All heavy atoms as atom14 arrays in JSON, in Angstrom:
{
  "sequence": "NHQGVIAFAGLVSYMDLQEVIDHVVSEGKNPLFVMLDGVTD",
  "atom14_mask": [
    [1, 1, 1, 1, 1, 1, 1, 1, 0, 0, 0, 0, 0, 0],
    [1, 1, 1, 1, 1, 1, 1, 1, 1, 1, 0, 0, 0, 0],
    [1, 1, 1, 1, 1, 1, 1, 1, 1, 0, 0, 0, 0, 0],
    [1, 1, 1, 1, 0, 0, 0, 0, 0, 0, 0, 0, 0, 0],
    [1, 1, 1, 1, 1, 1, 1, 0, 0, 0, 0, 0, 0, 0],
    [1, 1, 1, 1, 1, 1, 1, 1, 0, 0, 0, 0, 0, 0],
    [1, 1, 1, 1, 1, 0, 0, 0, 0, 0, 0, 0, 0, 0],
    [1, 1, 1, 1, 1, 1, 1, 1, 1, 1, 1, 0, 0, 0],
    [1, 1, 1, 1, 1, 0, 0, 0, 0, 0, 0, 0, 0, 0],
    [1, 1, 1, 1, 0, 0, 0, 0, 0, 0, 0, 0, 0, 0],
    [1, 1, 1, 1, 1, 1, 1, 1, 0, 0, 0, 0, 0, 0],
    [1, 1, 1, 1, 1, 1, 1, 0, 0, 0, 0, 0, 0, 0],
    [1, 1, 1, 1, 1, 1, 0, 0, 0, 0, 0, 0, 0, 0],
    [1, 1, 1, 1, 1, 1, 1, 1, 1, 1, 1, 1, 0, 0],
    [1, 1, 1, 1, 1, 1, 1, 1, 0, 0, 0, 0, 0, 0],
    [1, 1, 1, 1, 1, 1, 1, 1, 0, 0, 0, 0, 0, 0],
    [1, 1, 1, 1, 1, 1, 1, 1, 0, 0, 0, 0, 0, 0],
    [1, 1, 1, 1, 1, 1, 1, 1, 1, 0, 0, 0, 0, 0],
    [1, 1, 1, 1, 1, 1, 1, 1, 1, 0, 0, 0, 0, 0],
    [1, 1, 1, 1, 1, 1, 1, 0, 0, 0, 0, 0, 0, 0],
    [1, 1, 1, 1, 1, 1, 1, 1, 0, 0, 0, 0, 0, 0],
    [1, 1, 1, 1, 1, 1, 1, 1, 0, 0, 0, 0, 0, 0],
    [1, 1, 1, 1, 1, 1, 1, 1, 1, 1, 0, 0, 0, 0],
    [1, 1, 1, 1, 1, 1, 1, 0, 0, 0, 0, 0, 0, 0],
    [1, 1, 1, 1, 1, 1, 1, 0, 0, 0, 0, 0, 0, 0],
    [1, 1, 1, 1, 1, 1, 0, 0, 0, 0, 0, 0, 0, 0],
    [1, 1, 1, 1, 1, 1, 1, 1, 1, 0, 0, 0, 0, 0],
    [1, 1, 1, 1, 0, 0, 0, 0, 0, 0, 0, 0, 0, 0],
    [1, 1, 1, 1, 1, 1, 1, 1, 1, 0, 0, 0, 0, 0],
    [1, 1, 1, 1, 1, 1, 1, 1, 0, 0, 0, 0, 0, 0],
    [1, 1, 1, 1, 1, 1, 1, 0, 0, 0, 0, 0, 0, 0],
    [1, 1, 1, 1, 1, 1, 1, 1, 0, 0, 0, 0, 0, 0],
    [1, 1, 1, 1, 1, 1, 1, 1, 1, 1, 1, 0, 0, 0],
    [1, 1, 1, 1, 1, 1, 1, 0, 0, 0, 0, 0, 0, 0],
    [1, 1, 1, 1, 1, 1, 1, 1, 0, 0, 0, 0, 0, 0],
    [1, 1, 1, 1, 1, 1, 1, 1, 0, 0, 0, 0, 0, 0],
    [1, 1, 1, 1, 1, 1, 1, 1, 0, 0, 0, 0, 0, 0],
    [1, 1, 1, 1, 0, 0, 0, 0, 0, 0, 0, 0, 0, 0],
    [1, 1, 1, 1, 1, 1, 1, 0, 0, 0, 0, 0, 0, 0],
    [1, 1, 1, 1, 1, 1, 1, 0, 0, 0, 0, 0, 0, 0],
    [1, 1, 1, 1, 1, 1, 1, 1, 0, 0, 0, 0, 0, 0]
  ],
  "atom14_positions": [
    [[-61.8, 41.68, 50.03], [-61.15, 41.61, 48.69], [-62.22, 41.79, 47.61], [-62.87, 40.81, 47.21], [-60.4, 40.28, 48.56], [-59.72, 40.2, 47.19], [-59.48, 41.16, 46.47], [-59.38, 38.94, 46.79], [0.0, 0.0, 0.0], [0.0, 0.0, 0.0], [0.0, 0.0, 0.0], [0.0, 0.0, 0.0], [0.0, 0.0, 0.0], [0.0, 0.0, 0.0]],
    [[-62.37, 42.98, 47.1], [-63.42, 43.31, 46.18], [-63.03, 42.96, 44.64], [-63.97, 43.02, 43.87], [-63.9, 44.76, 46.26], [-62.73, 45.75, 46.17], [-62.01, 45.94, 45.09], [-62.19, 46.53, 47.13], [-61.11, 46.86, 45.26], [-61.17, 47.24, 46.51], [0.0, 0.0, 0.0], [0.0, 0.0, 0.0], [0.0, 0.0, 0.0], [0.0, 0.0, 0.0]],
    [[-61.84, 42.69, 44.42], [-61.38, 42.35, 43.09], [-61.72, 43.4, 42.01], [-61.89, 43.16, 40.84], [-62.0, 41.0, 42.61], [-61.71, 39.78, 43.57], [-62.49, 38.64, 43.11], [-63.73, 38.63, 43.07], [-61.76, 37.5, 42.84], [0.0, 0.0, 0.0], [0.0, 0.0, 0.0], [0.0, 0.0, 0.0], [0.0, 0.0, 0.0], [0.0, 0.0, 0.0]],
    [[-61.85, 44.64, 42.49], [-62.12, 45.75, 41.63], [-63.53, 45.91, 41.19], [-63.8, 46.69, 40.28], [0.0, 0.0, 0.0], [0.0, 0.0, 0.0], [0.0, 0.0, 0.0], [0.0, 0.0, 0.0], [0.0, 0.0, 0.0], [0.0, 0.0, 0.0], [0.0, 0.0, 0.0], [0.0, 0.0, 0.0], [0.0, 0.0, 0.0], [0.0, 0.0, 0.0]],
    [[-64.44, 45.21, 41.89], [-65.86, 45.32, 41.54], [-66.74, 45.24, 42.79], [-66.56, 44.44, 43.69], [-66.31, 44.07, 40.68], [-67.71, 44.05, 40.42], [-65.5, 44.01, 39.43], [0.0, 0.0, 0.0], [0.0, 0.0, 0.0], [0.0, 0.0, 0.0], [0.0, 0.0, 0.0], [0.0, 0.0, 0.0], [0.0, 0.0, 0.0], [0.0, 0.0, 0.0]],
    [[-67.68, 46.24, 42.85], [-68.66, 46.26, 43.95], [-69.96, 46.71, 43.34], [-69.97, 47.63, 42.46], [-68.3, 47.26, 45.06], [-67.06, 46.75, 45.87], [-69.49, 47.5, 46.03], [-66.64, 47.7, 46.99], [0.0, 0.0, 0.0], [0.0, 0.0, 0.0], [0.0, 0.0, 0.0], [0.0, 0.0, 0.0], [0.0, 0.0, 0.0], [0.0, 0.0, 0.0]],
    [[-71.06, 46.12, 43.7], [-72.41, 46.52, 43.27], [-73.3, 46.78, 44.4], [-73.14, 46.3, 45.5], [-73.0, 45.41, 42.37], [0.0, 0.0, 0.0], [0.0, 0.0, 0.0], [0.0, 0.0, 0.0], [0.0, 0.0, 0.0], [0.0, 0.0, 0.0], [0.0, 0.0, 0.0], [0.0, 0.0, 0.0], [0.0, 0.0, 0.0], [0.0, 0.0, 0.0]],
    [[-74.28, 47.64, 44.15], [-75.31, 47.97, 45.1], [-76.52, 47.19, 44.8], [-77.18, 47.38, 43.73], [-75.58, 49.51, 45.12], [-74.46, 50.39, 45.54], [-73.52, 50.79, 44.68], [-74.36, 50.64, 46.93], [-72.42, 51.6, 45.14], [-73.28, 51.53, 47.35], [-72.33, 51.93, 46.42], [0.0, 0.0, 0.0], [0.0, 0.0, 0.0], [0.0, 0.0, 0.0]],
    [[-76.89, 46.3, 45.71], [-78.15, 45.53, 45.54], [-79.32, 46.4, 45.71], [-79.29, 47.33, 46.55], [-78.21, 44.35, 46.52], [0.0, 0.0, 0.0], [0.0, 0.0, 0.0], [0.0, 0.0, 0.0], [0.0, 0.0, 0.0], [0.0, 0.0, 0.0], [0.0, 0.0, 0.0], [0.0, 0.0, 0.0], [0.0, 0.0, 0.0], [0.0, 0.0, 0.0]],
    [[-80.38, 46.26, 44.87], [-81.51, 47.11, 44.93], [-82.58, 46.68, 45.84], [-82.71, 45.49, 46.16], [0.0, 0.0, 0.0], [0.0, 0.0, 0.0], [0.0, 0.0, 0.0], [0.0, 0.0, 0.0], [0.0, 0.0, 0.0], [0.0, 0.0, 0.0], [0.0, 0.0, 0.0], [0.0, 0.0, 0.0], [0.0, 0.0, 0.0], [0.0, 0.0, 0.0]],
    [[-83.45, 47.57, 46.27], [-84.56, 47.26, 47.11], [-85.77, 47.07, 46.24], [-86.79, 46.54, 46.68], [-84.85, 48.38, 48.11], [-83.81, 48.57, 49.2], [-84.09, 49.83, 50.05], [-83.8, 47.35, 50.16], [0.0, 0.0, 0.0], [0.0, 0.0, 0.0], [0.0, 0.0, 0.0], [0.0, 0.0, 0.0], [0.0, 0.0, 0.0], [0.0, 0.0, 0.0]],
    [[-85.73, 47.57, 45.02], [-86.89, 47.54, 44.1], [-86.55, 46.6, 42.92], [-85.44, 46.57, 42.4], [-87.15, 49.01, 43.52], [-88.25, 48.87, 42.47], [-87.57, 49.92, 44.64], [0.0, 0.0, 0.0], [0.0, 0.0, 0.0], [0.0, 0.0, 0.0], [0.0, 0.0, 0.0], [0.0, 0.0, 0.0], [0.0, 0.0, 0.0], [0.0, 0.0, 0.0]],
    [[-87.51, 45.78, 42.57], [-87.32, 44.84, 41.45], [-87.72, 45.57, 40.13], [-88.83, 46.05, 39.99], [-88.24, 43.69, 41.6], [-87.88, 42.91, 42.76], [0.0, 0.0, 0.0], [0.0, 0.0, 0.0], [0.0, 0.0, 0.0], [0.0, 0.0, 0.0], [0.0, 0.0, 0.0], [0.0, 0.0, 0.0], [0.0, 0.0, 0.0], [0.0, 0.0, 0.0]],
    [[-86.72, 45.68, 39.22], [-87.05, 46.37, 37.97], [-87.54, 45.42, 36.93], [-87.06, 44.27, 36.87], [-85.73, 47.08, 37.46], [-85.18, 48.18, 38.38], [-84.02, 47.95, 39.12], [-85.87, 49.32, 38.52], [-83.58, 48.89, 39.95], [-85.45, 50.3, 39.43], [-84.3, 50.08, 40.1], [-83.74, 51.08, 40.99], [0.0, 0.0, 0.0], [0.0, 0.0, 0.0]],
    [[-88.49, 45.88, 36.13], [-89.17, 45.01, 35.19], [-88.92, 45.52, 33.74], [-88.66, 46.7, 33.54], [-90.7, 45.03, 35.45], [-91.1, 44.92, 36.91], [-90.5, 43.5, 37.77], [-91.67, 42.29, 37.1], [0.0, 0.0, 0.0], [0.0, 0.0, 0.0], [0.0, 0.0, 0.0], [0.0, 0.0, 0.0], [0.0, 0.0, 0.0], [0.0, 0.0, 0.0]],
    [[-89.05, 44.64, 32.81], [-88.95, 45.01, 31.4], [-90.22, 45.63, 30.88], [-91.32, 45.16, 31.25], [-88.7, 43.67, 30.59], [-88.62, 43.98, 29.1], [-87.59, 44.53, 28.67], [-89.57, 43.65, 28.39], [0.0, 0.0, 0.0], [0.0, 0.0, 0.0], [0.0, 0.0, 0.0], [0.0, 0.0, 0.0], [0.0, 0.0, 0.0], [0.0, 0.0, 0.0]],
    [[-90.12, 46.72, 30.18], [-91.24, 47.52, 29.78], [-92.24, 46.7, 28.98], [-93.51, 46.74, 29.24], [-90.81, 48.79, 29.03], [-91.96, 49.69, 28.52], [-92.93, 50.11, 29.6], [-91.32, 50.87, 27.79], [0.0, 0.0, 0.0], [0.0, 0.0, 0.0], [0.0, 0.0, 0.0], [0.0, 0.0, 0.0], [0.0, 0.0, 0.0], [0.0, 0.0, 0.0]],
    [[-91.78, 46.01, 27.94], [-92.69, 45.19, 27.15], [-93.36, 44.14, 27.91], [-94.58, 43.89, 27.72], [-91.88, 44.59, 25.95], [-92.77, 43.86, 24.95], [-93.82, 44.75, 24.26], [-93.47, 45.71, 23.63], [-95.11, 44.44, 24.47], [0.0, 0.0, 0.0], [0.0, 0.0, 0.0], [0.0, 0.0, 0.0], [0.0, 0.0, 0.0], [0.0, 0.0, 0.0]],
    [[-92.65, 43.53, 28.84], [-93.34, 42.48, 29.65], [-94.37, 43.07, 30.56], [-95.45, 42.51, 30.79], [-92.24, 41.78, 30.55], [-91.33, 40.87, 29.74], [-90.32, 40.15, 30.62], [-90.39, 40.35, 31.87], [-89.51, 39.39, 30.11], [0.0, 0.0, 0.0], [0.0, 0.0, 0.0], [0.0, 0.0, 0.0], [0.0, 0.0, 0.0], [0.0, 0.0, 0.0]],
    [[-94.16, 44.31, 31.02], [-95.12, 44.94, 31.88], [-96.38, 45.32, 31.03], [-97.47, 45.07, 31.45], [-94.6, 46.27, 32.5], [-95.68, 47.12, 33.06], [-93.56, 45.91, 33.57], [0.0, 0.0, 0.0], [0.0, 0.0, 0.0], [0.0, 0.0, 0.0], [0.0, 0.0, 0.0], [0.0, 0.0, 0.0], [0.0, 0.0, 0.0], [0.0, 0.0, 0.0]],
    [[-96.19, 45.85, 29.82], [-97.29, 46.13, 28.91], [-98.1, 44.89, 28.67], [-99.34, 44.83, 28.79], [-96.82, 46.7, 27.62], [-96.18, 48.11, 27.85], [-97.99, 46.9, 26.66], [-95.46, 48.73, 26.65], [0.0, 0.0, 0.0], [0.0, 0.0, 0.0], [0.0, 0.0, 0.0], [0.0, 0.0, 0.0], [0.0, 0.0, 0.0], [0.0, 0.0, 0.0]],
    [[-97.43, 43.79, 28.31], [-98.13, 42.52, 28.06], [-98.92, 42.0, 29.21], [-100.05, 41.57, 29.17], [-97.14, 41.42, 27.59], [-96.44, 41.73, 26.27], [-97.01, 42.56, 25.48], [-95.41, 41.17, 26.04], [0.0, 0.0, 0.0], [0.0, 0.0, 0.0], [0.0, 0.0, 0.0], [0.0, 0.0, 0.0], [0.0, 0.0, 0.0], [0.0, 0.0, 0.0]],
    [[-98.28, 42.19, 30.41], [-98.9, 41.72, 31.68], [-100.17, 42.56, 32.03], [-101.21, 41.92, 32.33], [-97.88, 41.85, 32.8], [-98.48, 41.4, 34.16], [-98.72, 40.06, 34.46], [-98.7, 42.12, 35.26], [-99.19, 39.99, 35.71], [-99.19, 41.18, 36.18], [0.0, 0.0, 0.0], [0.0, 0.0, 0.0], [0.0, 0.0, 0.0], [0.0, 0.0, 0.0]],
    [[-100.06, 43.86, 31.93], [-101.15, 44.74, 32.22], [-102.3, 44.45, 31.28], [-103.48, 44.3, 31.68], [-100.76, 46.22, 32.15], [-101.93, 47.11, 32.22], [-99.76, 46.52, 33.29], [0.0, 0.0, 0.0], [0.0, 0.0, 0.0], [0.0, 0.0, 0.0], [0.0, 0.0, 0.0], [0.0, 0.0, 0.0], [0.0, 0.0, 0.0], [0.0, 0.0, 0.0]],
    [[-102.03, 44.39, 30.05], [-103.08, 44.09, 28.95], [-103.74, 42.71, 29.23], [-104.96, 42.53, 29.1], [-102.52, 44.18, 27.55], [-103.54, 43.75, 26.53], [-102.1, 45.66, 27.26], [0.0, 0.0, 0.0], [0.0, 0.0, 0.0], [0.0, 0.0, 0.0], [0.0, 0.0, 0.0], [0.0, 0.0, 0.0], [0.0, 0.0, 0.0], [0.0, 0.0, 0.0]],
    [[-102.88, 41.72, 29.48], [-103.4, 40.32, 29.74], [-104.33, 40.3, 30.91], [-105.21, 39.39, 30.98], [-102.3, 39.36, 29.9], [-101.59, 39.5, 31.14], [0.0, 0.0, 0.0], [0.0, 0.0, 0.0], [0.0, 0.0, 0.0], [0.0, 0.0, 0.0], [0.0, 0.0, 0.0], [0.0, 0.0, 0.0], [0.0, 0.0, 0.0], [0.0, 0.0, 0.0]],
    [[-104.2, 41.19, 31.83], [-105.09, 41.22, 33.01], [-106.37, 42.03, 32.76], [-107.18, 42.08, 33.64], [-104.35, 41.86, 34.25], [-103.25, 40.97, 34.84], [-102.83, 41.42, 36.24], [-102.84, 42.65, 36.44], [-102.58, 40.61, 37.07], [0.0, 0.0, 0.0], [0.0, 0.0, 0.0], [0.0, 0.0, 0.0], [0.0, 0.0, 0.0], [0.0, 0.0, 0.0]],
    [[-106.46, 42.52, 31.5], [-107.64, 43.26, 31.15], [-107.69, 44.63, 31.67], [-108.74, 45.28, 31.7], [0.0, 0.0, 0.0], [0.0, 0.0, 0.0], [0.0, 0.0, 0.0], [0.0, 0.0, 0.0], [0.0, 0.0, 0.0], [0.0, 0.0, 0.0], [0.0, 0.0, 0.0], [0.0, 0.0, 0.0], [0.0, 0.0, 0.0], [0.0, 0.0, 0.0]],
    [[-106.48, 45.16, 32.03], [-106.47, 46.58, 32.59], [-106.11, 47.55, 31.46], [-105.5, 47.24, 30.43], [-105.41, 46.65, 33.67], [-105.75, 45.79, 34.93], [-104.66, 45.91, 35.97], [-105.08, 45.04, 37.19], [-103.99, 45.09, 38.19], [0.0, 0.0, 0.0], [0.0, 0.0, 0.0], [0.0, 0.0, 0.0], [0.0, 0.0, 0.0], [0.0, 0.0, 0.0]],
    [[-106.57, 48.76, 31.65], [-106.28, 49.89, 30.71], [-104.97, 50.54, 31.11], [-104.9, 51.25, 32.13], [-107.48, 50.88, 30.8], [-107.33, 51.99, 29.73], [-106.49, 51.93, 28.87], [-108.2, 52.96, 29.8], [0.0, 0.0, 0.0], [0.0, 0.0, 0.0], [0.0, 0.0, 0.0], [0.0, 0.0, 0.0], [0.0, 0.0, 0.0], [0.0, 0.0, 0.0]],
    [[-103.91, 50.43, 30.34], [-102.59, 50.93, 30.76], [-102.63, 52.46, 31.12], [-103.23, 53.24, 30.37], [-101.75, 50.71, 29.53], [-102.34, 49.54, 28.89], [-103.75, 49.62, 29.04], [0.0, 0.0, 0.0], [0.0, 0.0, 0.0], [0.0, 0.0, 0.0], [0.0, 0.0, 0.0], [0.0, 0.0, 0.0], [0.0, 0.0, 0.0], [0.0, 0.0, 0.0]],
    [[-102.06, 52.76, 32.31], [-101.87, 54.15, 32.7], [-100.5, 54.15, 33.34], [-100.35, 53.61, 34.45], [-102.95, 54.57, 33.74], [-102.77, 56.03, 34.32], [-102.72, 57.07, 33.25], [-103.88, 56.29, 35.34], [0.0, 0.0, 0.0], [0.0, 0.0, 0.0], [0.0, 0.0, 0.0], [0.0, 0.0, 0.0], [0.0, 0.0, 0.0], [0.0, 0.0, 0.0]],
    [[-99.51, 54.71, 32.65], [-98.16, 54.73, 33.11], [-97.63, 56.1, 33.3], [-98.19, 57.08, 32.79], [-97.2, 54.0, 32.05], [-97.56, 52.59, 31.77], [-96.99, 51.98, 30.62], [-98.38, 51.83, 32.54], [-97.3, 50.69, 30.31], [-98.69, 50.51, 32.24], [-98.12, 49.98, 31.14], [0.0, 0.0, 0.0], [0.0, 0.0, 0.0], [0.0, 0.0, 0.0]],
    [[-96.62, 56.26, 34.11], [-95.93, 57.55, 34.28], [-94.46, 57.32, 34.0], [-93.8, 56.41, 34.51], [-96.11, 58.05, 35.83], [-95.23, 59.29, 35.99], [-97.55, 58.34, 36.04], [0.0, 0.0, 0.0], [0.0, 0.0, 0.0], [0.0, 0.0, 0.0], [0.0, 0.0, 0.0], [0.0, 0.0, 0.0], [0.0, 0.0, 0.0], [0.0, 0.0, 0.0]],
    [[-93.92, 58.28, 33.19], [-92.52, 58.24, 32.79], [-91.84, 59.47, 33.45], [-92.43, 60.59, 33.38], [-92.33, 58.24, 31.32], [-90.89, 58.24, 30.85], [-90.69, 58.31, 29.05], [-91.39, 56.77, 28.51], [0.0, 0.0, 0.0], [0.0, 0.0, 0.0], [0.0, 0.0, 0.0], [0.0, 0.0, 0.0], [0.0, 0.0, 0.0], [0.0, 0.0, 0.0]],
    [[-90.62, 59.36, 34.04], [-89.97, 60.43, 34.71], [-88.7, 60.76, 33.94], [-87.85, 59.94, 33.66], [-89.63, 60.03, 36.17], [-90.8, 59.7, 37.06], [-90.33, 59.43, 38.47], [-91.87, 60.82, 37.06], [0.0, 0.0, 0.0], [0.0, 0.0, 0.0], [0.0, 0.0, 0.0], [0.0, 0.0, 0.0], [0.0, 0.0, 0.0], [0.0, 0.0, 0.0]],
    [[-88.6, 62.07, 33.57], [-87.44, 62.53, 32.86], [-86.7, 63.61, 33.65], [-87.24, 64.71, 33.76], [-87.92, 63.13, 31.45], [-86.75, 63.79, 30.71], [-85.58, 63.31, 30.91], [-87.03, 64.7, 29.88], [0.0, 0.0, 0.0], [0.0, 0.0, 0.0], [0.0, 0.0, 0.0], [0.0, 0.0, 0.0], [0.0, 0.0, 0.0], [0.0, 0.0, 0.0]],
    [[-85.54, 63.21, 34.15], [-84.76, 64.25, 34.94], [-85.27, 64.44, 36.34], [-84.82, 65.4, 37.08], [0.0, 0.0, 0.0], [0.0, 0.0, 0.0], [0.0, 0.0, 0.0], [0.0, 0.0, 0.0], [0.0, 0.0, 0.0], [0.0, 0.0, 0.0], [0.0, 0.0, 0.0], [0.0, 0.0, 0.0], [0.0, 0.0, 0.0], [0.0, 0.0, 0.0]],
    [[-86.1, 63.6, 36.84], [-86.58, 63.7, 38.31], [-85.6, 62.9, 39.09], [-85.57, 61.68, 39.01], [-88.02, 63.2, 38.47], [-88.5, 63.3, 39.87], [-88.98, 63.93, 37.55], [0.0, 0.0, 0.0], [0.0, 0.0, 0.0], [0.0, 0.0, 0.0], [0.0, 0.0, 0.0], [0.0, 0.0, 0.0], [0.0, 0.0, 0.0], [0.0, 0.0, 0.0]],
    [[-84.81, 63.59, 39.87], [-83.68, 62.93, 40.64], [-83.94, 62.77, 42.14], [-83.33, 61.88, 42.72], [-82.4, 63.79, 40.47], [-82.62, 65.04, 40.91], [-81.99, 63.78, 38.97], [0.0, 0.0, 0.0], [0.0, 0.0, 0.0], [0.0, 0.0, 0.0], [0.0, 0.0, 0.0], [0.0, 0.0, 0.0], [0.0, 0.0, 0.0], [0.0, 0.0, 0.0]],
    [[-84.87, 63.49, 42.67], [-85.15, 63.4, 44.11], [-85.91, 62.12, 44.37], [-87.05, 61.94, 43.96], [-85.95, 64.63, 44.57], [-85.99, 64.71, 46.17], [-86.27, 63.65, 46.76], [-85.93, 65.83, 46.6], [0.0, 0.0, 0.0], [0.0, 0.0, 0.0], [0.0, 0.0, 0.0], [0.0, 0.0, 0.0], [0.0, 0.0, 0.0], [0.0, 0.0, 0.0]]
  ]
}
C-alpha cells in the first residue's frame, strides 16, 4: 500500500554546496570542484 507515494533511496549522500565550501576551506585545502551540465550517462 504505497498511498500514492514512492521514493528511491540513494546510494550517494548529497551535500550542501556552501557547507562543502566551508568544510574544504576549513581543512586548509585549495578548492578544486567540477560542475556537470547536461551530463546524463
